[in-house]
Amino acid sequence: MAFTLYTYFRSSAAYRTRIALNYKGLDYESISVHLRRQEHRTDEYRHLNPQALVPALDHDGTVIPQSLAIIEYLEEIHPQPALLPRRPQGRAIVRSMAQLIASEMHPLCNLRILLYLKDTLGQDEQHVNEWYHHWVAEGFGSLEEMVSQHSTDGKHCFGNSVTLADVCLVPQVLNARRFDCDLSPYPEIVAISAALERLEAFASAHPSRQPDAE
């Protein structure tokens, strides 16, 4: 089964998809779609992925957009090692953590949103950064409480093994650091991210280790 991942080294959504592929031990070909050069807006790429975003995963001719949809698909066709707990309650909690990051935090801090604030709405760099910091604080404030309730080892968001929530967490922490967000109010998130970043599946997915890194 052939996997081709359309990715961009700095995209946090692509980053989380790379982590999942690595964690499950799946080989894949990477094709860079450079967002700053607008390569995602070409007719060729729009034909491949009408959403014109990264990542997109081509699996034997079927193209799947959206990182969480891709990761859940991988979970279904390669269930081991698992990224979701066995019990339905645990699955729901992990999914809620992942959605908090991927649906509540990430979209508001996405590159195209920040560029719209700056280029179209005329906001200066200070106000764009204040926007970013506000939504990171909103999201991580809630997530810190959730992981304090559900992590059993201080190294994972839920229980004591890697889950979908962890896959989403690490890229979001990296982004927060890039924008100089104060992470001191979230010691559990920082500790969990640090532990996960040392795992090879996460480390090899890091933006700095991608072929298109700049």
N, C-alpha and C. Protein backbone atom coordinates (compact mmCIF):
# COMPACT_ATOMS: atom_id res chain seq x y z
N MET A 1 0.85 -1.19 0.00
CA MET A 1 0.00 0.00 0.00
C MET A 1 0.88 1.24 0.00
N ALA A 2 0.72 2.11 -0.99
CA ALA A 2 1.58 3.27 -1.16
C ALA A 2 0.95 4.51 -0.54
N PHE A 3 1.74 5.22 0.27
CA PHE A 3 1.30 6.47 0.88
C PHE A 3 2.14 7.61 0.33
N THR A 4 1.46 8.68 -0.09
CA THR A 4 2.14 9.91 -0.48
C THR A 4 1.54 11.04 0.34
N LEU A 5 2.38 11.75 1.06
CA LEU A 5 1.92 12.85 1.90
C LEU A 5 2.31 14.18 1.28
N TYR A 6 1.30 14.99 0.98
CA TYR A 6 1.53 16.36 0.53
C TYR A 6 1.64 17.21 1.78
N THR A 7 2.78 17.85 1.95
CA THR A 7 3.12 18.42 3.25
C THR A 7 3.87 19.73 3.06
N TYR A 8 4.05 20.43 4.14
CA TYR A 8 4.89 21.63 4.20
C TYR A 8 5.57 21.60 5.56
N PHE A 9 6.85 21.81 5.58
CA PHE A 9 7.61 21.56 6.81
C PHE A 9 7.08 22.33 8.00
N ARG A 10 6.59 23.54 7.81
CA ARG A 10 6.19 24.38 8.93
C ARG A 10 4.70 24.23 9.29
N SER A 11 3.95 23.53 8.50
CA SER A 11 2.53 23.34 8.80
C SER A 11 2.36 22.42 10.01
N SER A 12 1.67 22.90 11.04
CA SER A 12 1.47 22.07 12.23
C SER A 12 0.51 20.93 11.94
N ALA A 13 -0.43 21.13 11.02
CA ALA A 13 -1.34 20.05 10.66
C ALA A 13 -0.58 18.93 9.94
N ALA A 14 0.32 19.32 9.04
CA ALA A 14 1.16 18.31 8.38
C ALA A 14 2.10 17.65 9.37
N TYR A 15 2.60 18.42 10.33
CA TYR A 15 3.49 17.91 11.37
C TYR A 15 2.80 16.79 12.14
N ARG A 16 1.55 17.02 12.55
CA ARG A 16 0.86 15.98 13.33
C ARG A 16 0.60 14.73 12.49
N THR A 17 0.39 14.93 11.19
CA THR A 17 0.19 13.77 10.32
C THR A 17 1.48 12.97 10.17
N ARG A 18 2.60 13.67 10.05
CA ARG A 18 3.89 12.98 9.97
C ARG A 18 4.15 12.18 11.25
N ILE A 19 3.81 12.75 12.39
CA ILE A 19 3.99 12.03 13.66
C ILE A 19 3.20 10.73 13.64
N ALA A 20 1.95 10.80 13.21
CA ALA A 20 1.09 9.60 13.21
C ALA A 20 1.64 8.54 12.26
N LEU A 21 2.06 8.93 11.08
CA LEU A 21 2.63 7.97 10.15
C LEU A 21 3.89 7.33 10.73
N ASN A 22 4.73 8.15 11.34
CA ASN A 22 5.95 7.61 11.95
C ASN A 22 5.63 6.67 13.10
N TYR A 23 4.71 7.08 13.94
CA TYR A 23 4.37 6.28 15.12
C TYR A 23 3.84 4.91 14.73
N LYS A 24 3.11 4.86 13.64
CA LYS A 24 2.56 3.59 13.18
C LYS A 24 3.54 2.83 12.28
N GLY A 25 4.72 3.40 12.08
CA GLY A 25 5.75 2.71 11.31
C GLY A 25 5.44 2.58 9.84
N LEU A 26 4.73 3.56 9.29
CA LEU A 26 4.32 3.51 7.88
C LEU A 26 5.26 4.33 7.01
N ASP A 27 5.77 3.73 5.97
CA ASP A 27 6.61 4.43 5.01
C ASP A 27 5.75 5.28 4.09
N TYR A 28 6.26 6.45 3.75
CA TYR A 28 5.52 7.33 2.87
C TYR A 28 6.48 8.23 2.10
N GLU A 29 6.02 8.66 0.95
CA GLU A 29 6.75 9.65 0.16
C GLU A 29 6.23 11.04 0.51
N SER A 30 7.14 11.97 0.71
CA SER A 30 6.76 13.36 1.00
C SER A 30 6.86 14.21 -0.26
N ILE A 31 5.82 14.98 -0.53
CA ILE A 31 5.86 15.96 -1.61
C ILE A 31 5.56 17.32 -0.99
N SER A 32 6.50 18.22 -1.12
CA SER A 32 6.36 19.54 -0.51
C SER A 32 5.40 20.42 -1.31
N VAL A 33 4.50 21.09 -0.58
CA VAL A 33 3.61 22.09 -1.16
C VAL A 33 3.90 23.38 -0.39
N HIS A 34 4.66 24.27 -0.99
CA HIS A 34 5.18 25.44 -0.29
C HIS A 34 4.07 26.49 -0.14
N LEU A 35 3.65 26.71 1.10
CA LEU A 35 2.54 27.62 1.34
C LEU A 35 2.90 29.07 1.08
N ARG A 36 4.12 29.46 1.42
CA ARG A 36 4.52 30.86 1.21
C ARG A 36 4.60 31.20 -0.27
N ARG A 37 4.85 30.20 -1.08
CA ARG A 37 4.93 30.42 -2.53
C ARG A 37 3.58 30.15 -3.21
N GLN A 38 2.55 29.94 -2.42
CA GLN A 38 1.20 29.76 -2.93
C GLN A 38 1.04 28.50 -3.79
N GLU A 39 1.88 27.50 -3.56
CA GLU A 39 1.79 26.29 -4.37
C GLU A 39 0.51 25.51 -4.10
N HIS A 40 -0.11 25.76 -2.95
CA HIS A 40 -1.37 25.08 -2.64
C HIS A 40 -2.55 25.67 -3.42
N ARG A 41 -2.31 26.80 -4.09
CA ARG A 41 -3.38 27.45 -4.84
C ARG A 41 -3.30 27.19 -6.34
N THR A 42 -2.36 26.39 -6.77
CA THR A 42 -2.25 26.08 -8.20
C THR A 42 -3.41 25.20 -8.65
N ASP A 43 -3.74 25.27 -9.92
CA ASP A 43 -4.81 24.44 -10.46
C ASP A 43 -4.50 22.95 -10.27
N GLU A 44 -3.25 22.61 -10.43
CA GLU A 44 -2.85 21.20 -10.29
C GLU A 44 -3.13 20.69 -8.89
N TYR A 45 -2.75 21.49 -7.88
CA TYR A 45 -2.96 21.02 -6.51
C TYR A 45 -4.45 21.09 -6.13
N ARG A 46 -5.15 22.10 -6.59
CA ARG A 46 -6.58 22.18 -6.30
C ARG A 46 -7.35 21.01 -6.91
N HIS A 47 -6.89 20.53 -8.05
CA HIS A 47 -7.53 19.36 -8.66
C HIS A 47 -7.30 18.13 -7.78
N LEU A 48 -6.11 18.03 -7.21
CA LEU A 48 -5.79 16.92 -6.32
C LEU A 48 -6.55 17.04 -5.01
N ASN A 49 -6.53 18.25 -4.43
CA ASN A 49 -7.17 18.50 -3.14
C ASN A 49 -7.97 19.79 -3.23
N PRO A 50 -9.28 19.70 -3.49
CA PRO A 50 -10.11 20.90 -3.66
C PRO A 50 -10.09 21.84 -2.46
N GLN A 51 -9.72 21.34 -1.28
CA GLN A 51 -9.64 22.23 -0.12
C GLN A 51 -8.41 23.14 -0.18
N ALA A 52 -7.44 22.78 -1.03
CA ALA A 52 -6.24 23.60 -1.25
C ALA A 52 -5.50 23.87 0.05
N LEU A 53 -5.36 22.85 0.88
CA LEU A 53 -4.65 22.94 2.14
C LEU A 53 -3.68 21.77 2.25
N VAL A 54 -2.77 21.86 3.20
CA VAL A 54 -1.96 20.70 3.56
C VAL A 54 -2.28 20.36 5.02
N PRO A 55 -2.17 19.07 5.35
CA PRO A 55 -1.71 17.97 4.50
C PRO A 55 -2.85 17.37 3.67
N ALA A 56 -2.41 16.55 2.72
CA ALA A 56 -3.32 15.63 2.03
C ALA A 56 -2.57 14.32 1.87
N LEU A 57 -3.26 13.23 2.09
CA LEU A 57 -2.64 11.91 1.99
C LEU A 57 -3.23 11.15 0.81
N ASP A 58 -2.37 10.76 -0.11
CA ASP A 58 -2.78 9.92 -1.24
C ASP A 58 -2.45 8.48 -0.88
N HIS A 59 -3.50 7.67 -0.77
CA HIS A 59 -3.29 6.25 -0.47
C HIS A 59 -3.85 5.43 -1.62
N ASP A 60 -2.96 4.93 -2.45
CA ASP A 60 -3.35 4.11 -3.60
C ASP A 60 -4.40 4.81 -4.46
N GLY A 61 -4.22 6.12 -4.66
CA GLY A 61 -5.10 6.85 -5.56
C GLY A 61 -6.26 7.56 -4.91
N THR A 62 -6.52 7.30 -3.64
CA THR A 62 -7.55 8.03 -2.91
C THR A 62 -6.89 9.13 -2.10
N VAL A 63 -7.30 10.38 -2.33
CA VAL A 63 -6.69 11.51 -1.66
C VAL A 63 -7.58 11.95 -0.50
N ILE A 64 -6.99 11.98 0.70
CA ILE A 64 -7.72 12.34 1.92
C ILE A 64 -7.14 13.64 2.45
N PRO A 65 -7.94 14.71 2.52
CA PRO A 65 -7.48 15.95 3.14
C PRO A 65 -7.82 15.96 4.64
N GLN A 66 -7.32 16.98 5.34
CA GLN A 66 -7.58 17.22 6.75
C GLN A 66 -6.83 16.22 7.65
N SER A 67 -5.99 16.77 8.52
CA SER A 67 -5.09 15.94 9.33
C SER A 67 -5.82 14.96 10.23
N LEU A 68 -6.86 15.39 10.91
CA LEU A 68 -7.55 14.46 11.82
C LEU A 68 -8.25 13.35 11.06
N ALA A 69 -8.80 13.68 9.90
CA ALA A 69 -9.42 12.63 9.08
C ALA A 69 -8.36 11.63 8.61
N ILE A 70 -7.19 12.14 8.24
CA ILE A 70 -6.09 11.26 7.82
C ILE A 70 -5.68 10.35 8.97
N ILE A 71 -5.49 10.92 10.15
CA ILE A 71 -5.01 10.13 11.28
C ILE A 71 -6.03 9.09 11.71
N GLU A 72 -7.30 9.47 11.71
CA GLU A 72 -8.35 8.49 12.05
C GLU A 72 -8.40 7.38 11.00
N TYR A 73 -8.17 7.73 9.75
CA TYR A 73 -8.13 6.72 8.69
C TYR A 73 -6.97 5.75 8.93
N LEU A 74 -5.80 6.30 9.25
CA LEU A 74 -4.66 5.43 9.55
C LEU A 74 -4.96 4.53 10.75
N GLU A 75 -5.67 5.06 11.72
CA GLU A 75 -6.04 4.27 12.90
C GLU A 75 -6.94 3.10 12.51
N GLU A 76 -7.80 3.32 11.54
CA GLU A 76 -8.72 2.27 11.11
C GLU A 76 -8.02 1.19 10.30
N ILE A 77 -7.10 1.58 9.43
CA ILE A 77 -6.47 0.58 8.56
C ILE A 77 -5.20 -0.02 9.17
N HIS A 78 -4.62 0.70 10.14
CA HIS A 78 -3.44 0.19 10.87
C HIS A 78 -3.66 0.45 12.36
N PRO A 79 -4.50 -0.34 13.00
CA PRO A 79 -4.91 -0.04 14.38
C PRO A 79 -3.81 -0.17 15.42
N GLN A 80 -2.71 -0.79 15.08
CA GLN A 80 -1.62 -0.93 16.04
C GLN A 80 -0.32 -0.32 15.48
N PRO A 81 0.41 0.38 16.33
CA PRO A 81 0.08 0.78 17.70
C PRO A 81 -1.04 1.82 17.71
N ALA A 82 -1.91 1.68 18.68
CA ALA A 82 -3.13 2.48 18.72
C ALA A 82 -2.88 3.92 19.13
N LEU A 83 -3.65 4.81 18.56
CA LEU A 83 -3.64 6.22 18.96
C LEU A 83 -4.92 6.62 19.69
N LEU A 84 -5.82 5.66 19.87
CA LEU A 84 -7.03 5.89 20.63
C LEU A 84 -7.17 4.81 21.69
N PRO A 85 -7.62 5.16 22.89
CA PRO A 85 -7.82 4.15 23.94
C PRO A 85 -8.87 3.12 23.54
N ARG A 86 -8.89 2.03 24.25
CA ARG A 86 -9.83 0.96 23.93
C ARG A 86 -11.24 1.30 24.36
N ARG A 87 -11.40 1.93 25.52
CA ARG A 87 -12.75 2.20 26.04
C ARG A 87 -13.36 3.42 25.36
N PRO A 88 -14.67 3.38 25.09
CA PRO A 88 -15.33 4.51 24.42
C PRO A 88 -15.17 5.83 25.17
N GLN A 89 -15.22 5.77 26.52
CA GLN A 89 -15.07 7.01 27.29
C GLN A 89 -13.70 7.63 27.06
N GLY A 90 -12.67 6.79 27.06
CA GLY A 90 -11.33 7.30 26.83
C GLY A 90 -11.16 7.86 25.44
N ARG A 91 -11.74 7.17 24.46
CA ARG A 91 -11.68 7.68 23.09
C ARG A 91 -12.31 9.06 22.98
N ALA A 92 -13.43 9.23 23.65
CA ALA A 92 -14.12 10.51 23.59
C ALA A 92 -13.29 11.62 24.22
N ILE A 93 -12.64 11.34 25.35
CA ILE A 93 -11.81 12.35 26.00
C ILE A 93 -10.62 12.72 25.12
N VAL A 94 -9.96 11.71 24.56
CA VAL A 94 -8.82 11.98 23.69
C VAL A 94 -9.24 12.78 22.47
N ARG A 95 -10.35 12.41 21.88
CA ARG A 95 -10.84 13.17 20.72
C ARG A 95 -11.17 14.61 21.11
N SER A 96 -11.71 14.81 22.29
CA SER A 96 -12.06 16.17 22.71
C SER A 96 -10.81 17.02 22.90
N MET A 97 -9.75 16.42 23.43
CA MET A 97 -8.48 17.14 23.55
C MET A 97 -7.93 17.49 22.17
N ALA A 98 -7.95 16.51 21.27
CA ALA A 98 -7.45 16.74 19.92
C ALA A 98 -8.25 17.83 19.22
N GLN A 99 -9.58 17.81 19.39
CA GLN A 99 -10.42 18.82 18.76
C GLN A 99 -10.20 20.19 19.37
N LEU A 100 -9.92 20.25 20.66
CA LEU A 100 -9.62 21.54 21.28
C LEU A 100 -8.44 22.20 20.58
N ILE A 101 -7.42 21.39 20.29
CA ILE A 101 -6.25 21.93 19.60
C ILE A 101 -6.54 22.18 18.12
N ALA A 102 -7.02 21.15 17.43
CA ALA A 102 -7.14 21.21 15.98
C ALA A 102 -8.32 22.05 15.49
N SER A 103 -9.37 22.15 16.30
CA SER A 103 -10.57 22.88 15.85
C SER A 103 -10.76 24.22 16.54
N GLU A 104 -10.24 24.37 17.76
CA GLU A 104 -10.43 25.62 18.50
C GLU A 104 -9.21 26.52 18.45
N MET A 105 -8.02 25.95 18.65
CA MET A 105 -6.81 26.76 18.71
C MET A 105 -6.17 26.97 17.33
N HIS A 106 -5.86 25.89 16.67
CA HIS A 106 -5.09 25.97 15.44
C HIS A 106 -5.72 26.83 14.35
N PRO A 107 -7.02 26.71 14.07
CA PRO A 107 -7.59 27.53 12.99
C PRO A 107 -7.46 29.03 13.24
N LEU A 108 -7.54 29.45 14.49
CA LEU A 108 -7.46 30.87 14.80
C LEU A 108 -6.04 31.41 14.72
N CYS A 109 -5.06 30.51 14.73
CA CYS A 109 -3.65 30.91 14.70
C CYS A 109 -2.95 30.44 13.43
N ASN A 110 -3.73 30.01 12.45
CA ASN A 110 -3.20 29.50 11.20
C ASN A 110 -2.57 30.63 10.39
N LEU A 111 -1.60 30.29 9.56
CA LEU A 111 -0.90 31.29 8.75
C LEU A 111 -1.86 32.14 7.94
N ARG A 112 -2.83 31.53 7.28
CA ARG A 112 -3.71 32.32 6.42
C ARG A 112 -4.57 33.28 7.23
N ILE A 113 -4.90 32.92 8.48
CA ILE A 113 -5.66 33.83 9.35
C ILE A 113 -4.79 35.00 9.77
N LEU A 114 -3.55 34.71 10.16
CA LEU A 114 -2.64 35.78 10.58
C LEU A 114 -2.34 36.73 9.43
N LEU A 115 -2.19 36.19 8.22
CA LEU A 115 -1.94 37.04 7.06
C LEU A 115 -3.17 37.90 6.73
N TYR A 116 -4.36 37.34 6.93
CA TYR A 116 -5.58 38.11 6.68
C TYR A 116 -5.69 39.27 7.68
N LEU A 117 -5.37 38.98 8.94
CA LEU A 117 -5.39 40.04 9.95
C LEU A 117 -4.43 41.16 9.58
N LYS A 118 -3.25 40.78 9.10
CA LYS A 118 -2.21 41.76 8.81
C LYS A 118 -2.43 42.45 7.47
N ASP A 119 -2.59 41.68 6.41
CA ASP A 119 -2.60 42.24 5.06
C ASP A 119 -3.94 42.82 4.65
N THR A 120 -5.04 42.16 5.07
CA THR A 120 -6.37 42.62 4.65
C THR A 120 -7.00 43.56 5.67
N LEU A 121 -6.89 43.24 6.94
CA LEU A 121 -7.51 44.07 7.97
C LEU A 121 -6.58 45.14 8.52
N GLY A 122 -5.33 45.10 8.09
CA GLY A 122 -4.41 46.18 8.42
C GLY A 122 -3.89 46.19 9.84
N GLN A 123 -3.91 45.04 10.50
CA GLN A 123 -3.41 44.97 11.87
C GLN A 123 -1.88 44.93 11.87
N ASP A 124 -1.27 45.65 12.81
CA ASP A 124 0.19 45.63 12.88
C ASP A 124 0.68 44.37 13.59
N GLU A 125 1.99 44.19 13.59
CA GLU A 125 2.59 42.98 14.14
C GLU A 125 2.23 42.78 15.60
N GLN A 126 2.18 43.85 16.37
CA GLN A 126 1.86 43.75 17.79
C GLN A 126 0.46 43.19 18.00
N HIS A 127 -0.51 43.70 17.25
CA HIS A 127 -1.88 43.24 17.43
C HIS A 127 -2.07 41.81 16.91
N VAL A 128 -1.37 41.45 15.85
CA VAL A 128 -1.44 40.07 15.37
C VAL A 128 -0.88 39.12 16.42
N ASN A 129 0.23 39.50 17.05
CA ASN A 129 0.81 38.66 18.10
C ASN A 129 -0.09 38.59 19.32
N GLU A 130 -0.75 39.70 19.65
CA GLU A 130 -1.68 39.68 20.78
C GLU A 130 -2.85 38.73 20.50
N TRP A 131 -3.32 38.74 19.27
CA TRP A 131 -4.37 37.79 18.85
C TRP A 131 -3.91 36.36 19.09
N TYR A 132 -2.71 36.06 18.59
CA TYR A 132 -2.17 34.71 18.72
C TYR A 132 -2.04 34.32 20.19
N HIS A 133 -1.45 35.17 20.98
CA HIS A 133 -1.23 34.85 22.40
C HIS A 133 -2.55 34.64 23.13
N HIS A 134 -3.55 35.43 22.78
CA HIS A 134 -4.85 35.29 23.45
C HIS A 134 -5.44 33.91 23.23
N TRP A 135 -5.44 33.45 21.98
CA TRP A 135 -6.10 32.17 21.69
C TRP A 135 -5.28 30.98 22.16
N VAL A 136 -3.97 31.12 22.22
CA VAL A 136 -3.15 30.07 22.81
C VAL A 136 -3.47 29.96 24.30
N ALA A 137 -3.57 31.09 24.97
CA ALA A 137 -3.89 31.07 26.40
C ALA A 137 -5.28 30.47 26.66
N GLU A 138 -6.24 30.83 25.83
CA GLU A 138 -7.59 30.28 25.98
C GLU A 138 -7.57 28.75 25.85
N GLY A 139 -6.88 28.26 24.83
CA GLY A 139 -6.87 26.83 24.59
C GLY A 139 -6.05 26.05 25.60
N PHE A 140 -4.83 26.50 25.84
CA PHE A 140 -3.94 25.77 26.75
C PHE A 140 -4.43 25.85 28.19
N GLY A 141 -5.13 26.93 28.53
CA GLY A 141 -5.69 27.01 29.88
C GLY A 141 -6.67 25.87 30.13
N SER A 142 -7.52 25.60 29.16
CA SER A 142 -8.48 24.49 29.29
C SER A 142 -7.78 23.14 29.21
N LEU A 143 -6.83 23.02 28.28
CA LEU A 143 -6.16 21.74 28.10
C LEU A 143 -5.31 21.37 29.31
N GLU A 144 -4.69 22.36 29.95
CA GLU A 144 -3.89 22.08 31.14
C GLU A 144 -4.74 21.38 32.21
N GLU A 145 -5.95 21.86 32.39
CA GLU A 145 -6.84 21.24 33.38
C GLU A 145 -7.22 19.83 32.95
N MET A 146 -7.48 19.63 31.68
CA MET A 146 -7.87 18.30 31.20
C MET A 146 -6.75 17.29 31.37
N VAL A 147 -5.51 17.67 31.00
CA VAL A 147 -4.43 16.70 31.12
C VAL A 147 -4.10 16.43 32.59
N SER A 148 -4.32 17.41 33.45
CA SER A 148 -4.09 17.17 34.89
C SER A 148 -5.06 16.14 35.44
N GLN A 149 -6.22 16.04 34.81
CA GLN A 149 -7.23 15.06 35.24
C GLN A 149 -7.01 13.68 34.61
N HIS A 150 -6.45 13.64 33.42
CA HIS A 150 -6.46 12.38 32.66
C HIS A 150 -5.09 11.77 32.39
N SER A 151 -4.01 12.51 32.58
CA SER A 151 -2.68 11.91 32.42
C SER A 151 -2.35 11.14 33.69
N THR A 152 -1.82 9.94 33.52
CA THR A 152 -1.46 9.14 34.70
C THR A 152 0.04 9.07 34.92
N ASP A 153 0.83 9.61 34.00
CA ASP A 153 2.28 9.53 34.17
C ASP A 153 3.00 10.86 33.95
N GLY A 154 2.25 11.92 33.62
CA GLY A 154 2.88 13.21 33.38
C GLY A 154 3.68 13.29 32.10
N LYS A 155 3.58 12.24 31.25
CA LYS A 155 4.32 12.20 30.00
C LYS A 155 3.40 12.09 28.79
N HIS A 156 2.11 11.94 29.04
CA HIS A 156 1.11 11.81 27.97
C HIS A 156 -0.14 12.56 28.37
N CYS A 157 -0.89 13.03 27.40
CA CYS A 157 -2.11 13.79 27.69
C CYS A 157 -3.16 12.93 28.36
N PHE A 158 -3.21 11.65 27.97
CA PHE A 158 -4.23 10.74 28.51
C PHE A 158 -3.55 9.43 28.87
N GLY A 159 -3.78 8.97 30.09
CA GLY A 159 -3.22 7.69 30.49
C GLY A 159 -1.71 7.70 30.48
N ASN A 160 -1.13 6.60 29.99
CA ASN A 160 0.33 6.48 29.99
C ASN A 160 0.89 6.01 28.65
N SER A 161 0.18 6.32 27.57
CA SER A 161 0.66 5.96 26.24
C SER A 161 0.28 7.05 25.25
N VAL A 162 0.94 7.02 24.10
CA VAL A 162 0.72 8.03 23.07
C VAL A 162 -0.69 7.92 22.50
N THR A 163 -1.35 9.05 22.38
CA THR A 163 -2.68 9.10 21.78
C THR A 163 -2.75 10.23 20.76
N LEU A 164 -3.89 10.32 20.13
CA LEU A 164 -4.16 11.38 19.16
C LEU A 164 -3.96 12.76 19.79
N ALA A 165 -4.29 12.89 21.07
CA ALA A 165 -4.12 14.17 21.75
C ALA A 165 -2.65 14.58 21.79
N ASP A 166 -1.76 13.64 22.03
CA ASP A 166 -0.32 13.92 22.05
C ASP A 166 0.17 14.33 20.67
N VAL A 167 -0.33 13.64 19.65
CA VAL A 167 0.06 13.94 18.27
C VAL A 167 -0.29 15.38 17.92
N CYS A 168 -1.40 15.87 18.44
CA CYS A 168 -1.82 17.25 18.18
C CYS A 168 -1.09 18.25 19.07
N LEU A 169 -0.73 17.82 20.28
CA LEU A 169 -0.14 18.75 21.24
C LEU A 169 1.21 19.29 20.81
N VAL A 170 2.12 18.41 20.44
CA VAL A 170 3.51 18.82 20.20
C VAL A 170 3.63 19.91 19.13
N PRO A 171 2.97 19.78 17.97
CA PRO A 171 3.06 20.87 17.00
C PRO A 171 2.51 22.19 17.51
N GLN A 172 1.46 22.13 18.34
CA GLN A 172 0.88 23.37 18.85
C GLN A 172 1.81 24.05 19.86
N VAL A 173 2.51 23.25 20.64
CA VAL A 173 3.49 23.81 21.58
C VAL A 173 4.63 24.47 20.81
N LEU A 174 5.10 23.81 19.75
CA LEU A 174 6.17 24.40 18.95
C LEU A 174 5.73 25.74 18.37
N ASN A 175 4.52 25.80 17.85
CA ASN A 175 4.02 27.05 17.30
C ASN A 175 3.96 28.14 18.37
N ALA A 176 3.49 27.77 19.56
CA ALA A 176 3.40 28.75 20.64
C ALA A 176 4.77 29.31 20.98
N ARG A 177 5.78 28.46 20.96
CA ARG A 177 7.14 28.93 21.24
C ARG A 177 7.64 29.84 20.12
N ARG A 178 7.30 29.52 18.88
CA ARG A 178 7.72 30.37 17.76
C ARG A 178 7.19 31.79 17.91
N PHE A 179 6.02 31.92 18.51
CA PHE A 179 5.40 33.23 18.68
C PHE A 179 5.61 33.80 20.09
N ASP A 180 6.58 33.21 20.81
CA ASP A 180 6.99 33.73 22.12
C ASP A 180 5.84 33.79 23.12
N CYS A 181 4.98 32.78 23.08
CA CYS A 181 3.90 32.71 24.06
C CYS A 181 4.47 32.28 25.41
N ASP A 182 3.91 32.82 26.47
CA ASP A 182 4.32 32.45 27.82
C ASP A 182 3.68 31.11 28.18
N LEU A 183 4.48 30.08 28.30
CA LEU A 183 3.97 28.74 28.61
C LEU A 183 4.11 28.39 30.08
N SER A 184 4.61 29.31 30.88
CA SER A 184 4.81 29.01 32.30
C SER A 184 3.51 28.67 33.06
N PRO A 185 2.34 29.17 32.62
CA PRO A 185 1.11 28.77 33.34
C PRO A 185 0.69 27.33 33.05
N TYR A 186 1.40 26.63 32.16
CA TYR A 186 0.96 25.30 31.73
C TYR A 186 2.08 24.27 31.95
N PRO A 187 2.48 24.05 33.19
CA PRO A 187 3.63 23.16 33.45
C PRO A 187 3.40 21.73 33.01
N GLU A 188 2.17 21.23 33.11
CA GLU A 188 1.92 19.85 32.71
C GLU A 188 2.01 19.71 31.19
N ILE A 189 1.48 20.66 30.46
CA ILE A 189 1.58 20.64 29.01
C ILE A 189 3.04 20.69 28.57
N VAL A 190 3.81 21.56 29.20
CA VAL A 190 5.23 21.70 28.85
C VAL A 190 5.98 20.40 29.13
N ALA A 191 5.70 19.79 30.28
CA ALA A 191 6.39 18.54 30.64
C ALA A 191 6.01 17.40 29.70
N ILE A 192 4.74 17.32 29.37
CA ILE A 192 4.28 16.26 28.46
C ILE A 192 4.91 16.44 27.08
N SER A 193 4.89 17.67 26.58
CA SER A 193 5.47 17.93 25.27
C SER A 193 6.96 17.59 25.26
N ALA A 194 7.67 17.94 26.30
CA ALA A 194 9.10 17.66 26.37
C ALA A 194 9.37 16.16 26.32
N ALA A 195 8.55 15.38 27.04
CA ALA A 195 8.72 13.92 27.03
C ALA A 195 8.43 13.34 25.65
N LEU A 196 7.38 13.85 25.00
CA LEU A 196 7.01 13.34 23.69
C LEU A 196 8.04 13.71 22.62
N GLU A 197 8.60 14.89 22.71
CA GLU A 197 9.56 15.36 21.71
C GLU A 197 10.80 14.48 21.65
N ARG A 198 11.06 13.74 22.73
CA ARG A 198 12.22 12.85 22.76
C ARG A 198 11.96 11.51 22.06
N LEU A 199 10.70 11.21 21.77
CA LEU A 199 10.37 9.97 21.07
C LEU A 199 10.71 10.11 19.60
N GLU A 200 11.25 9.06 18.99
CA GLU A 200 11.72 9.15 17.62
C GLU A 200 10.61 9.50 16.63
N ALA A 201 9.42 8.96 16.85
CA ALA A 201 8.31 9.25 15.92
C ALA A 201 8.01 10.74 15.88
N PHE A 202 8.17 11.41 17.01
CA PHE A 202 7.93 12.85 17.09
C PHE A 202 9.15 13.62 16.59
N ALA A 203 10.33 13.19 17.03
CA ALA A 203 11.56 13.90 16.68
C ALA A 203 11.80 13.90 15.17
N SER A 204 11.57 12.77 14.52
CA SER A 204 11.83 12.69 13.08
C SER A 204 10.78 13.44 12.26
N ALA A 205 9.65 13.78 12.88
CA ALA A 205 8.61 14.55 12.19
C ALA A 205 8.80 16.05 12.35
N HIS A 206 9.77 16.46 13.18
CA HIS A 206 9.99 17.88 13.46
C HIS A 206 10.24 18.66 12.17
N PRO A 207 9.74 19.86 12.08
CA PRO A 207 9.94 20.65 10.85
C PRO A 207 11.40 20.77 10.42
N SER A 208 12.30 20.90 11.38
CA SER A 208 13.71 21.09 11.03
C SER A 208 14.33 19.88 10.35
N ARG A 209 13.67 18.72 10.46
CA ARG A 209 14.22 17.50 9.88
C ARG A 209 13.55 17.10 8.58
N GLN A 210 12.75 18.00 8.02
CA GLN A 210 12.07 17.69 6.76
C GLN A 210 12.90 18.12 5.56
N PRO A 211 12.73 17.42 4.44
CA PRO A 211 13.52 17.74 3.25
C PRO A 211 13.33 19.18 2.75
N ASP A 212 12.16 19.76 2.99
CA ASP A 212 11.89 21.11 2.50
C ASP A 212 12.13 22.19 3.56
N ALA A 213 12.76 21.81 4.68
CA ALA A 213 13.00 22.78 5.75
C ALA A 213 13.87 23.94 5.26
N GLU A 214 13.56 25.12 5.76
CA GLU A 214 14.33 26.32 5.37
C GLU A 214 14.93 26.96 6.61
